[in-house]
Amino acid sequence: MNEIHPDIVAKMSQINDWRANRQSSYNRWDFQLDKLFDDIDNGLFGESAKSGSWYQHIKTIKDNNPKPTQEQLDTYNSELNDLIIASGSI
């Protein structure tokens, strides 16, 4: 079996790391639901909900791990395709 070229692995990480970093930072569902319950119990609805602990927790994660734009994803995928072809993997 052929090993995957390191450049291909690196490019795939570049494409997918934002998602993995978000998922590992969100914490468990019960943690999130507890924060959400506390915010609702404190009367945080509408715009004021944006000051709540749940919203701030999720927003920080999303801000620290931004989703690539479609243009960036297209570029990454094109570069990945070029690496695969150059490595002779297909």
PDB file of N, CA and C in Angstrom:
ATOM      1  N   MET A   1       0.836  -1.185   0.000  1.00  0.00           N
ATOM      2  CA  MET A   1       0.000   0.000   0.000  1.00  0.00           C
ATOM      3  C   MET A   1       0.879   1.246   0.000  1.00  0.00           C
ATOM      4  N   ASN A   2       0.527   2.214  -0.819  1.00  0.00           N
ATOM      5  CA  ASN A   2       1.282   3.459  -0.905  1.00  0.00           C
ATOM      6  C   ASN A   2       0.953   4.367   0.260  1.00  0.00           C
ATOM      7  N   GLU A   3       1.976   5.062   0.740  1.00  0.00           N
ATOM      8  CA  GLU A   3       1.742   6.058   1.780  1.00  0.00           C
ATOM      9  C   GLU A   3       1.297   7.358   1.123  1.00  0.00           C
ATOM     10  N   ILE A   4       0.489   8.100   1.839  1.00  0.00           N
ATOM     11  CA  ILE A   4       0.023   9.380   1.327  1.00  0.00           C
ATOM     12  C   ILE A   4       1.157  10.395   1.462  1.00  0.00           C
ATOM     13  N   HIS A   5       1.382  11.127   0.418  1.00  0.00           N
ATOM     14  CA  HIS A   5       2.446  12.132   0.393  1.00  0.00           C
ATOM     15  C   HIS A   5       2.190  13.155   1.504  1.00  0.00           C
ATOM     16  N   PRO A   6       3.230  13.544   2.249  1.00  0.00           N
ATOM     17  CA  PRO A   6       3.066  14.500   3.361  1.00  0.00           C
ATOM     18  C   PRO A   6       2.435  15.826   2.949  1.00  0.00           C
ATOM     19  N   ASP A   7       2.706  16.299   1.727  1.00  0.00           N
ATOM     20  CA  ASP A   7       2.101  17.554   1.270  1.00  0.00           C
ATOM     21  C   ASP A   7       0.590  17.415   1.128  1.00  0.00           C
ATOM     22  N   ILE A   8       0.141  16.224   0.733  1.00  0.00           N
ATOM     23  CA  ILE A   8      -1.296  15.981   0.610  1.00  0.00           C
ATOM     24  C   ILE A   8      -1.935  15.974   1.987  1.00  0.00           C
ATOM     25  N   VAL A   9      -1.287  15.333   2.947  1.00  0.00           N
ATOM     26  CA  VAL A   9      -1.800  15.313   4.323  1.00  0.00           C
ATOM     27  C   VAL A   9      -1.873  16.729   4.880  1.00  0.00           C
ATOM     28  N   ALA A  10      -0.845  17.525   4.637  1.00  0.00           N
ATOM     29  CA  ALA A  10      -0.815  18.906   5.129  1.00  0.00           C
ATOM     30  C   ALA A  10      -1.928  19.734   4.506  1.00  0.00           C
ATOM     31  N   LYS A  11      -2.162  19.551   3.209  1.00  0.00           N
ATOM     32  CA  LYS A  11      -3.210  20.321   2.531  1.00  0.00           C
ATOM     33  C   LYS A  11      -4.585  19.898   3.045  1.00  0.00           C
ATOM     34  N   MET A  12      -4.788  18.608   3.281  1.00  0.00           N
ATOM     35  CA  MET A  12      -6.073  18.143   3.813  1.00  0.00           C
ATOM     36  C   MET A  12      -6.304  18.710   5.214  1.00  0.00           C
ATOM     37  N   SER A  13      -5.235  18.818   6.005  1.00  0.00           N
ATOM     38  CA  SER A  13      -5.358  19.432   7.325  1.00  0.00           C
ATOM     39  C   SER A  13      -5.733  20.898   7.193  1.00  0.00           C
ATOM     40  N   GLN A  14      -5.115  21.580   6.250  1.00  0.00           N
ATOM     41  CA  GLN A  14      -5.430  22.996   6.037  1.00  0.00           C
ATOM     42  C   GLN A  14      -6.908  23.158   5.683  1.00  0.00           C
ATOM     43  N   ILE A  15      -7.439  22.242   4.911  1.00  0.00           N
ATOM     44  CA  ILE A  15      -8.833  22.314   4.495  1.00  0.00           C
ATOM     45  C   ILE A  15      -9.780  22.030   5.660  1.00  0.00           C
ATOM     46  N   ASN A  16      -9.421  21.118   6.550  1.00  0.00           N
ATOM     47  CA  ASN A  16     -10.361  20.615   7.559  1.00  0.00           C
ATOM     48  C   ASN A  16     -10.093  21.004   9.003  1.00  0.00           C
ATOM     49  N   ASP A  17      -8.941  21.596   9.304  1.00  0.00           N
ATOM     50  CA  ASP A  17      -8.592  21.876  10.703  1.00  0.00           C
ATOM     51  C   ASP A  17      -9.579  22.790  11.412  1.00  0.00           C
ATOM     52  N   TRP A  18     -10.138  23.780  10.710  1.00  0.00           N
ATOM     53  CA  TRP A  18     -11.064  24.714  11.360  1.00  0.00           C
ATOM     54  C   TRP A  18     -12.224  23.941  11.985  1.00  0.00           C
ATOM     55  N   ARG A  19     -12.723  22.936  11.267  1.00  0.00           N
ATOM     56  CA  ARG A  19     -13.878  22.168  11.747  1.00  0.00           C
ATOM     57  C   ARG A  19     -13.495  21.329  12.980  1.00  0.00           C
ATOM     58  N   ALA A  20     -12.364  20.658  12.900  1.00  0.00           N
ATOM     59  CA  ALA A  20     -11.917  19.823  14.016  1.00  0.00           C
ATOM     60  C   ALA A  20     -11.622  20.676  15.255  1.00  0.00           C
ATOM     61  N   ASN A  21     -11.019  21.843  15.047  1.00  0.00           N
ATOM     62  CA  ASN A  21     -10.716  22.728  16.175  1.00  0.00           C
ATOM     63  C   ASN A  21     -11.998  23.228  16.837  1.00  0.00           C
ATOM     64  N   ARG A  22     -13.002  23.569  16.039  1.00  0.00           N
ATOM     65  CA  ARG A  22     -14.286  23.996  16.621  1.00  0.00           C
ATOM     66  C   ARG A  22     -14.905  22.862  17.423  1.00  0.00           C
ATOM     67  N   GLN A  23     -14.972  21.689  16.817  1.00  0.00           N
ATOM     68  CA  GLN A  23     -15.640  20.571  17.475  1.00  0.00           C
ATOM     69  C   GLN A  23     -14.974  20.204  18.795  1.00  0.00           C
ATOM     70  N   SER A  24     -13.653  20.256  18.836  1.00  0.00           N
ATOM     71  CA  SER A  24     -12.971  19.902  20.081  1.00  0.00           C
ATOM     72  C   SER A  24     -13.106  20.986  21.149  1.00  0.00           C
ATOM     73  N   SER A  25     -13.465  22.208  20.754  1.00  0.00           N
ATOM     74  CA  SER A  25     -13.584  23.310  21.701  1.00  0.00           C
ATOM     75  C   SER A  25     -14.993  23.525  22.242  1.00  0.00           C
ATOM     76  N   TYR A  26     -15.998  23.023  21.551  1.00  0.00           N
ATOM     77  CA  TYR A  26     -17.371  23.277  21.965  1.00  0.00           C
ATOM     78  C   TYR A  26     -17.709  22.707  23.342  1.00  0.00           C
ATOM     79  N   ASN A  27     -17.084  21.659  23.747  1.00  0.00           N
ATOM     80  CA  ASN A  27     -17.396  20.928  24.984  1.00  0.00           C
ATOM     81  C   ASN A  27     -18.610  20.029  24.775  1.00  0.00           C
ATOM     82  N   ARG A  28     -18.929  19.290  25.793  1.00  0.00           N
ATOM     83  CA  ARG A  28     -20.032  18.324  25.708  1.00  0.00           C
ATOM     84  C   ARG A  28     -21.372  19.043  25.631  1.00  0.00           C
ATOM     85  N   TRP A  29     -22.374  18.304  25.123  1.00  0.00           N
ATOM     86  CA  TRP A  29     -23.724  18.853  24.995  1.00  0.00           C
ATOM     87  C   TRP A  29     -24.294  19.308  26.331  1.00  0.00           C
ATOM     88  N   ASP A  30     -24.064  18.518  27.394  1.00  0.00           N
ATOM     89  CA  ASP A  30     -24.637  18.899  28.689  1.00  0.00           C
ATOM     90  C   ASP A  30     -24.039  20.216  29.187  1.00  0.00           C
ATOM     91  N   PHE A  31     -22.784  20.454  28.902  1.00  0.00           N
ATOM     92  CA  PHE A  31     -22.128  21.718  29.266  1.00  0.00           C
ATOM     93  C   PHE A  31     -22.790  22.871  28.523  1.00  0.00           C
ATOM     94  N   GLN A  32     -23.001  22.693  27.217  1.00  0.00           N
ATOM     95  CA  GLN A  32     -23.623  23.741  26.414  1.00  0.00           C
ATOM     96  C   GLN A  32     -25.067  23.995  26.836  1.00  0.00           C
ATOM     97  N   LEU A  33     -25.807  22.910  27.067  1.00  0.00           N
ATOM     98  CA  LEU A  33     -27.203  23.071  27.462  1.00  0.00           C
ATOM     99  C   LEU A  33     -27.325  23.740  28.824  1.00  0.00           C
ATOM    100  N   ASP A  34     -26.400  23.456  29.723  1.00  0.00           N
ATOM    101  CA  ASP A  34     -26.410  24.113  31.030  1.00  0.00           C
ATOM    102  C   ASP A  34     -26.199  25.614  30.876  1.00  0.00           C
ATOM    103  N   LYS A  35     -25.266  26.006  30.030  1.00  0.00           N
ATOM    104  CA  LYS A  35     -25.030  27.436  29.770  1.00  0.00           C
ATOM    105  C   LYS A  35     -26.271  28.075  29.153  1.00  0.00           C
ATOM    106  N   LEU A  36     -26.864  27.388  28.196  1.00  0.00           N
ATOM    107  CA  LEU A  36     -28.049  27.913  27.531  1.00  0.00           C
ATOM    108  C   LEU A  36     -29.215  28.055  28.511  1.00  0.00           C
ATOM    109  N   PHE A  37     -29.403  27.053  29.371  1.00  0.00           N
ATOM    110  CA  PHE A  37     -30.461  27.133  30.376  1.00  0.00           C
ATOM    111  C   PHE A  37     -30.240  28.330  31.294  1.00  0.00           C
ATOM    112  N   ASP A  38     -29.011  28.497  31.776  1.00  0.00           N
ATOM    113  CA  ASP A  38     -28.712  29.625  32.669  1.00  0.00           C
ATOM    114  C   ASP A  38     -29.009  30.960  31.994  1.00  0.00           C
ATOM    115  N   ASP A  39     -28.659  31.076  30.705  1.00  0.00           N
ATOM    116  CA  ASP A  39     -28.929  32.315  29.981  1.00  0.00           C
ATOM    117  C   ASP A  39     -30.431  32.567  29.883  1.00  0.00           C
ATOM    118  N   ILE A  40     -31.185  31.544  29.535  1.00  0.00           N
ATOM    119  CA  ILE A  40     -32.643  31.693  29.426  1.00  0.00           C
ATOM    120  C   ILE A  40     -33.240  32.007  30.793  1.00  0.00           C
ATOM    121  N   ASP A  41     -32.750  31.314  31.813  1.00  0.00           N
ATOM    122  CA  ASP A  41     -33.243  31.545  33.181  1.00  0.00           C
ATOM    123  C   ASP A  41     -32.955  32.977  33.632  1.00  0.00           C
ATOM    124  N   ASN A  42     -31.889  33.561  33.109  1.00  0.00           N
ATOM    125  CA  ASN A  42     -31.541  34.946  33.437  1.00  0.00           C
ATOM    126  C   ASN A  42     -32.242  35.951  32.525  1.00  0.00           C
ATOM    127  N   GLY A  43     -33.167  35.458  31.678  1.00  0.00           N
ATOM    128  CA  GLY A  43     -33.966  36.351  30.844  1.00  0.00           C
ATOM    129  C   GLY A  43     -33.261  36.879  29.616  1.00  0.00           C
ATOM    130  N   LEU A  44     -32.245  36.190  29.155  1.00  0.00           N
ATOM    131  CA  LEU A  44     -31.508  36.662  27.989  1.00  0.00           C
ATOM    132  C   LEU A  44     -32.146  36.128  26.712  1.00  0.00           C
ATOM    133  N   PHE A  45     -32.850  37.021  26.011  1.00  0.00           N
ATOM    134  CA  PHE A  45     -33.502  36.689  24.752  1.00  0.00           C
ATOM    135  C   PHE A  45     -33.170  37.761  23.735  1.00  0.00           C
ATOM    136  N   GLY A  46     -33.391  37.475  22.458  1.00  0.00           N
ATOM    137  CA  GLY A  46     -33.148  38.470  21.421  1.00  0.00           C
ATOM    138  C   GLY A  46     -31.712  38.958  21.429  1.00  0.00           C
ATOM    139  N   GLU A  47     -31.528  40.244  21.231  1.00  0.00           N
ATOM    140  CA  GLU A  47     -30.180  40.818  21.194  1.00  0.00           C
ATOM    141  C   GLU A  47     -29.438  40.636  22.511  1.00  0.00           C
ATOM    142  N   SER A  48     -30.149  40.668  23.628  1.00  0.00           N
ATOM    143  CA  SER A  48     -29.472  40.520  24.924  1.00  0.00           C
ATOM    144  C   SER A  48     -28.881  39.125  25.104  1.00  0.00           C
ATOM    145  N   ALA A  49     -29.390  38.141  24.345  1.00  0.00           N
ATOM    146  CA  ALA A  49     -28.834  36.789  24.425  1.00  0.00           C
ATOM    147  C   ALA A  49     -27.377  36.760  23.982  1.00  0.00           C
ATOM    148  N   LYS A  50     -26.985  37.744  23.177  1.00  0.00           N
ATOM    149  CA  LYS A  50     -25.606  37.794  22.707  1.00  0.00           C
ATOM    150  C   LYS A  50     -24.615  38.122  23.824  1.00  0.00           C
ATOM    151  N   SER A  51     -25.107  38.543  24.966  1.00  0.00           N
ATOM    152  CA  SER A  51     -24.228  38.797  26.114  1.00  0.00           C
ATOM    153  C   SER A  51     -24.166  37.578  27.033  1.00  0.00           C
ATOM    154  N   GLY A  52     -24.929  36.540  26.723  1.00  0.00           N
ATOM    155  CA  GLY A  52     -24.985  35.344  27.556  1.00  0.00           C
ATOM    156  C   GLY A  52     -23.742  34.473  27.438  1.00  0.00           C
ATOM    157  N   SER A  53     -23.555  33.612  28.423  1.00  0.00           N
ATOM    158  CA  SER A  53     -22.353  32.775  28.467  1.00  0.00           C
ATOM    159  C   SER A  53     -22.310  31.760  27.330  1.00  0.00           C
ATOM    160  N   TRP A  54     -23.467  31.187  26.963  1.00  0.00           N
ATOM    161  CA  TRP A  54     -23.474  30.210  25.873  1.00  0.00           C
ATOM    162  C   TRP A  54     -23.080  30.874  24.562  1.00  0.00           C
ATOM    163  N   TYR A  55     -23.721  31.974  24.234  1.00  0.00           N
ATOM    164  CA  TYR A  55     -23.428  32.679  22.987  1.00  0.00           C
ATOM    165  C   TYR A  55     -21.960  33.100  22.943  1.00  0.00           C
ATOM    166  N   GLN A  56     -21.469  33.662  24.025  1.00  0.00           N
ATOM    167  CA  GLN A  56     -20.080  34.121  24.066  1.00  0.00           C
ATOM    168  C   GLN A  56     -19.109  32.947  23.910  1.00  0.00           C
ATOM    169  N   HIS A  57     -19.430  31.819  24.527  1.00  0.00           N
ATOM    170  CA  HIS A  57     -18.596  30.613  24.412  1.00  0.00           C
ATOM    171  C   HIS A  57     -18.507  30.168  22.957  1.00  0.00           C
ATOM    172  N   ILE A  58     -19.673  30.046  22.303  1.00  0.00           N
ATOM    173  CA  ILE A  58     -19.713  29.580  20.920  1.00  0.00           C
ATOM    174  C   ILE A  58     -19.090  30.606  19.970  1.00  0.00           C
ATOM    175  N   LYS A  59     -19.371  31.881  20.189  1.00  0.00           N
ATOM    176  CA  LYS A  59     -18.825  32.941  19.333  1.00  0.00           C
ATOM    177  C   LYS A  59     -17.301  32.977  19.398  1.00  0.00           C
ATOM    178  N   THR A  60     -16.747  32.819  20.587  1.00  0.00           N
ATOM    179  CA  THR A  60     -15.290  32.808  20.736  1.00  0.00           C
ATOM    180  C   THR A  60     -14.673  31.666  19.934  1.00  0.00           C
ATOM    181  N   ILE A  61     -15.277  30.497  20.009  1.00  0.00           N
ATOM    182  CA  ILE A  61     -14.774  29.342  19.261  1.00  0.00           C
ATOM    183  C   ILE A  61     -14.840  29.612  17.761  1.00  0.00           C
ATOM    184  N   LYS A  62     -15.979  30.119  17.306  1.00  0.00           N
ATOM    185  CA  LYS A  62     -16.137  30.387  15.877  1.00  0.00           C
ATOM    186  C   LYS A  62     -15.192  31.494  15.417  1.00  0.00           C
ATOM    187  N   ASP A  63     -14.995  32.524  16.229  1.00  0.00           N
ATOM    188  CA  ASP A  63     -14.072  33.609  15.871  1.00  0.00           C
ATOM    189  C   ASP A  63     -12.630  33.108  15.813  1.00  0.00           C
ATOM    190  N   ASN A  64     -12.270  32.203  16.732  1.00  0.00           N
ATOM    191  CA  ASN A  64     -10.904  31.686  16.775  1.00  0.00           C
ATOM    192  C   ASN A  64     -10.632  30.630  15.708  1.00  0.00           C
ATOM    193  N   ASN A  65     -11.686  30.061  15.136  1.00  0.00           N
ATOM    194  CA  ASN A  65     -11.563  29.015  14.124  1.00  0.00           C
ATOM    195  C   ASN A  65     -12.515  29.324  12.972  1.00  0.00           C
ATOM    196  N   PRO A  66     -12.218  30.379  12.204  1.00  0.00           N
ATOM    197  CA  PRO A  66     -13.162  30.798  11.170  1.00  0.00           C
ATOM    198  C   PRO A  66     -13.319  29.756  10.058  1.00  0.00           C
ATOM    199  N   LYS A  67     -14.530  29.666   9.575  1.00  0.00           N
ATOM    200  CA  LYS A  67     -14.822  28.801   8.447  1.00  0.00           C
ATOM    201  C   LYS A  67     -14.214  29.439   7.202  1.00  0.00           C
ATOM    202  N   PRO A  68     -13.490  28.663   6.404  1.00  0.00           N
ATOM    203  CA  PRO A  68     -12.917  29.239   5.182  1.00  0.00           C
ATOM    204  C   PRO A  68     -14.022  29.723   4.242  1.00  0.00           C
ATOM    205  N   THR A  69     -13.714  30.746   3.491  1.00  0.00           N
ATOM    206  CA  THR A  69     -14.651  31.217   2.475  1.00  0.00           C
ATOM    207  C   THR A  69     -14.713  30.188   1.356  1.00  0.00           C
ATOM    208  N   GLN A  70     -15.737  30.274   0.533  1.00  0.00           N
ATOM    209  CA  GLN A  70     -15.836  29.355  -0.601  1.00  0.00           C
ATOM    210  C   GLN A  70     -14.643  29.526  -1.530  1.00  0.00           C
ATOM    211  N   GLU A  71     -14.182  30.751  -1.689  1.00  0.00           N
ATOM    212  CA  GLU A  71     -13.002  31.000  -2.528  1.00  0.00           C
ATOM    213  C   GLU A  71     -11.769  30.302  -1.959  1.00  0.00           C
ATOM    214  N   GLN A  72     -11.581  30.381  -0.640  1.00  0.00           N
ATOM    215  CA  GLN A  72     -10.455  29.686  -0.015  1.00  0.00           C
ATOM    216  C   GLN A  72     -10.577  28.178  -0.191  1.00  0.00           C
ATOM    217  N   LEU A  73     -11.781  27.641   0.021  1.00  0.00           N
ATOM    218  CA  LEU A  73     -11.980  26.195  -0.146  1.00  0.00           C
ATOM    219  C   LEU A  73     -11.704  25.766  -1.581  1.00  0.00           C
ATOM    220  N   ASP A  74     -12.148  26.556  -2.537  1.00  0.00           N
ATOM    221  CA  ASP A  74     -11.885  26.238  -3.944  1.00  0.00           C
ATOM    222  C   ASP A  74     -10.383  26.218  -4.224  1.00  0.00           C
ATOM    223  N   THR A  75      -9.668  27.200  -3.665  1.00  0.00           N
ATOM    224  CA  THR A  75      -8.215  27.250  -3.840  1.00  0.00           C
ATOM    225  C   THR A  75      -7.550  26.044  -3.196  1.00  0.00           C
ATOM    226  N   TYR A  76      -7.924  25.731  -1.954  1.00  0.00           N
ATOM    227  CA  TYR A  76      -7.348  24.574  -1.256  1.00  0.00           C
ATOM    228  C   TYR A  76      -7.605  23.285  -2.029  1.00  0.00           C
ATOM    229  N   ASN A  77      -8.833  23.130  -2.513  1.00  0.00           N
ATOM    230  CA  ASN A  77      -9.162  21.907  -3.240  1.00  0.00           C
ATOM    231  C   ASN A  77      -8.404  21.813  -4.562  1.00  0.00           C
ATOM    232  N   SER A  78      -8.217  22.925  -5.226  1.00  0.00           N
ATOM    233  CA  SER A  78      -7.427  22.939  -6.453  1.00  0.00           C
ATOM    234  C   SER A  78      -5.974  22.568  -6.152  1.00  0.00           C
ATOM    235  N   GLU A  79      -5.425  23.151  -5.088  1.00  0.00           N
ATOM    236  CA  GLU A  79      -4.051  22.831  -4.690  1.00  0.00           C
ATOM    237  C   GLU A  79      -3.928  21.366  -4.298  1.00  0.00           C
ATOM    238  N   LEU A  80      -4.932  20.850  -3.600  1.00  0.00           N
ATOM    239  CA  LEU A  80      -4.931  19.446  -3.214  1.00  0.00           C
ATOM    240  C   LEU A  80      -4.950  18.553  -4.450  1.00  0.00           C
ATOM    241  N   ASN A  81      -5.799  18.888  -5.399  1.00  0.00           N
ATOM    242  CA  ASN A  81      -5.873  18.126  -6.636  1.00  0.00           C
ATOM    243  C   ASN A  81      -4.520  18.129  -7.362  1.00  0.00           C
ATOM    244  N   ASP A  82      -3.869  19.280  -7.421  1.00  0.00           N
ATOM    245  CA  ASP A  82      -2.564  19.374  -8.049  1.00  0.00           C
ATOM    246  C   ASP A  82      -1.531  18.501  -7.335  1.00  0.00           C
ATOM    247  N   LEU A  83      -1.577  18.502  -5.993  1.00  0.00           N
ATOM    248  CA  LEU A  83      -0.647  17.670  -5.217  1.00  0.00           C
ATOM    249  C   LEU A  83      -0.884  16.186  -5.472  1.00  0.00           C
ATOM    250  N   ILE A  84      -2.148  15.791  -5.548  1.00  0.00           N
ATOM    251  CA  ILE A  84      -2.477  14.387  -5.792  1.00  0.00           C
ATOM    252  C   ILE A  84      -1.970  13.961  -7.161  1.00  0.00           C
ATOM    253  N   ILE A  85      -2.199  14.805  -8.150  1.00  0.00           N
ATOM    254  CA  ILE A  85      -1.730  14.478  -9.504  1.00  0.00           C
ATOM    255  C   ILE A  85      -0.206  14.411  -9.542  1.00  0.00           C
ATOM    256  N   ALA A  86       0.457  15.386  -8.926  1.00  0.00           N
ATOM    257  CA  ALA A  86       1.918  15.433  -8.932  1.00  0.00           C
ATOM    258  C   ALA A  86       2.533  14.245  -8.200  1.00  0.00           C
ATOM    259  N   SER A  87       1.828  13.734  -7.189  1.00  0.00           N
ATOM    260  CA  SER A  87       2.382  12.614  -6.415  1.00  0.00           C
ATOM    261  C   SER A  87       2.155  11.279  -7.103  1.00  0.00           C
ATOM    262  N   GLY A  88       1.338  11.286  -8.170  1.00  0.00           N
ATOM    263  CA  GLY A  88       1.035  10.040  -8.862  1.00  0.00           C
ATOM    264  C   GLY A  88       0.072   9.149  -8.108  1.00  0.00           C
ATOM    265  N   SER A  89      -0.679   9.748  -7.157  1.00  0.00           N
ATOM    266  CA  SER A  89      -1.613   8.971  -6.359  1.00  0.00           C
ATOM    267  C   SER A  89      -2.865   8.575  -7.123  1.00  0.00           C
ATOM    268  N   ILE A  90      -3.102   9.218  -8.268  1.00  0.00           N
ATOM    269  CA  ILE A  90      -4.267   8.822  -9.082  1.00  0.00           C
ATOM    270  C   ILE A  90      -3.841   8.485 -10.486  1.00  0.00           C
TER     271      ILE A  90
END
